[in-house]
Structure formats: C-alpha cells, structure tokens
C-alpha atoms as a PDB file:
ATOM      1  CA  MET A   1     107.107  99.351  56.753  1.00  0.00           C
ATOM      2  CA  SER A   2     106.159  97.471  60.145  1.00  0.00           C
ATOM      3  CA  ASP A   3     103.193  96.153  58.294  1.00  0.00           C
ATOM      4  CA  TRP A   4     105.261  94.770  55.486  1.00  0.00           C
ATOM      5  CA  HIS A   5     105.236  90.943  55.326  1.00  0.00           C
ATOM      6  CA  LEU A   6     108.286  89.359  53.456  1.00  0.00           C
ATOM      7  CA  PRO A   7     108.441  85.423  52.633  1.00  0.00           C
ATOM      8  CA  GLU A   8     108.382  83.232  55.458  1.00  0.00           C
ATOM      9  CA  ILE A   9     111.467  80.570  55.893  1.00  0.00           C
ATOM     10  CA  ASP A  10     110.819  77.822  58.001  1.00  0.00           C
ATOM     11  CA  LEU A  11     114.902  76.948  58.811  1.00  0.00           C
ATOM     12  CA  GLU A  12     113.373  73.579  60.281  1.00  0.00           C
ATOM     13  CA  LEU A  13     112.810  72.276  57.247  1.00  0.00           C
ATOM     14  CA  CYS A  14     114.701  74.144  54.847  1.00  0.00           C
ATOM     15  CA  THR A  15     117.936  71.851  53.661  1.00  0.00           C
ATOM     16  CA  ARG A  16     119.938  74.721  52.292  1.00  0.00           C
ATOM     17  CA  CYS A  17     119.411  73.505  48.566  1.00  0.00           C
ATOM     18  CA  GLY A  18     120.178  77.527  47.203  1.00  0.00           C
ATOM     19  CA  ALA A  19     117.205  76.987  44.745  1.00  0.00           C
ATOM     20  CA  CYS A  20     115.652  80.227  46.512  1.00  0.00           C
ATOM     21  CA  VAL A  21     118.973  82.160  46.190  1.00  0.00           C
ATOM     22  CA  VAL A  22     119.493  81.020  42.280  1.00  0.00           C
ATOM     23  CA  GLY A  23     116.320  81.853  41.632  1.00  0.00           C
ATOM     24  CA  CYS A  24     115.766  85.058  43.088  1.00  0.00           C
ATOM     25  CA  PRO A  25     115.169  87.496  40.220  1.00  0.00           C
ATOM     26  CA  THR A  26     116.205  90.540  42.385  1.00  0.00           C
ATOM     27  CA  HIS A  27     118.948  88.879  44.594  1.00  0.00           C
ATOM     28  CA  ALA A  28     117.234  89.944  47.876  1.00  0.00           C
ATOM     29  CA  VAL A  29     117.731  86.267  49.469  1.00  0.00           C
ATOM     30  CA  ASP A  30     121.193  85.202  50.421  1.00  0.00           C
ATOM     31  CA  LEU A  31     122.583  81.692  51.708  1.00  0.00           C
ATOM     32  CA  GLN A  32     123.783  82.166  55.714  1.00  0.00           C
ATOM     33  CA  PRO A  33     125.519  79.515  57.989  1.00  0.00           C
ATOM     34  CA  GLU A  34     121.620  79.062  59.525  1.00  0.00           C
ATOM     35  CA  GLY A  35     120.222  79.269  56.267  1.00  0.00           C
ATOM     36  CA  PRO A  36     118.232  81.578  53.866  1.00  0.00           C
ATOM     37  CA  VAL A  37     117.701  84.755  54.902  1.00  0.00           C
ATOM     38  CA  ILE A  38     115.653  88.030  52.805  1.00  0.00           C
ATOM     39  CA  ALA A  39     118.895  89.992  53.089  1.00  0.00           C
ATOM     40  CA  ARG A  40     118.032  93.139  50.764  1.00  0.00           C
ATOM     41  CA  PRO A  41     114.114  93.417  51.979  1.00  0.00           C
ATOM     42  CA  LEU A  42     113.600  96.397  49.745  1.00  0.00           C
ATOM     43  CA  ALA A  43     114.967  94.702  46.650  1.00  0.00           C
ATOM     44  CA  CYS A  44     111.644  91.694  47.407  1.00  0.00           C
ATOM     45  CA  THR A  45     109.373  92.167  45.184  1.00  0.00           C
ATOM     46  CA  PHE A  46     106.910  89.850  46.455  1.00  0.00           C
ATOM     47  CA  CYS A  47     107.107  87.633  43.101  1.00  0.00           C
ATOM     48  CA  ALA A  48     106.603  84.389  45.039  1.00  0.00           C
ATOM     49  CA  GLU A  49     109.372  82.565  42.775  1.00  0.00           C
ATOM     50  CA  CYS A  50     111.569  81.587  46.064  1.00  0.00           C
ATOM     51  CA  GLU A  51     107.983  80.143  47.561  1.00  0.00           C
ATOM     52  CA  ALA A  52     107.624  77.897  44.182  1.00  0.00           C
ATOM     53  CA  LEU A  53     111.239  77.285  43.987  1.00  0.00           C
ATOM     54  CA  CYS A  54     111.942  75.541  46.796  1.00  0.00           C
ATOM     55  CA  PRO A  55     111.962  71.856  46.881  1.00  0.00           C
ATOM     56  CA  VAL A  56     110.496  71.156  50.278  1.00  0.00           C
ATOM     57  CA  ASN A  57     107.770  73.726  50.921  1.00  0.00           C
ATOM     58  CA  ALA A  58     110.110  75.971  53.657  1.00  0.00           C
ATOM     59  CA  ILE A  59     109.469  79.300  52.153  1.00  0.00           C
ATOM     60  CA  ARG A  60     105.916  80.616  52.762  1.00  0.00           C
ATOM     61  CA  CYS A  61     104.807  84.378  51.021  1.00  0.00           C
ATOM     62  CA  GLU A  62     101.664  85.730  53.165  1.00  0.00           C
ATOM     63  CA  PHE A  63     100.189  87.169  49.454  1.00  0.00           C
ATOM     64  CA  GLU A  64     101.356  87.490  46.436  1.00  0.00           C
ATOM     65  CA  ILE A  65     101.187  90.666  44.331  1.00  0.00           C
ATOM     66  CA  VAL A  66      99.156  90.036  41.234  1.00  0.00           C
ATOM     67  CA  TRP A  67      99.497  92.649  38.186  1.00  0.00           C
ATOM     68  CA  GLU A  68      96.242  92.995  36.078  1.00  0.00           C
ATOM     69  CA  PRO A  69      95.957  95.167  32.956  1.00  0.00           C
ATOM     70  CA  GLN A  70      93.996  98.342  33.714  1.00  0.00           C
ATOM     71  CA  ARG A  71      90.342  97.835  31.889  1.00  0.00           C
ATOM     72  CA  SER A  72      88.763 101.138  30.346  1.00  0.00           C
END
C-alpha cells in the first residue's frame, strides 16, 4: 500500500464546508476539527467525487480509475 495514492486535501485551502464528507459515496471521508481526512482509506474507490464537489479545489486526486467496457 506504500505506492497507493489517496486524494490529497490541502487544509490551507479547505473551508471545512463538508461537501466532500456528504458527497463521498463510500463514506471514506470524515470531518475532523482540523478539517476533512480520508478516515477509511480502504473504502476509497478513487471515484474523485470529493475532488469534483470541493468548491475551493482543496482536494486533488492524483489519478482517476475509469472502467471501460471490454472489447470483443
């Protein structure tokens, strides 16, 4: 898991609005006193919903997994 890249949260930019917490479909994000954290990393599916929902662009996903249909 050492080369596993979770979404990065810039706590300097974060306004603690909670949009990432509410919008995370797997409930991987929690809002702590210092700001949001990926509290359940194994639940994170790298869907990038947290990044899309952040109104101040404080969350950055290094990559996104895109599933494509298998070609015959």
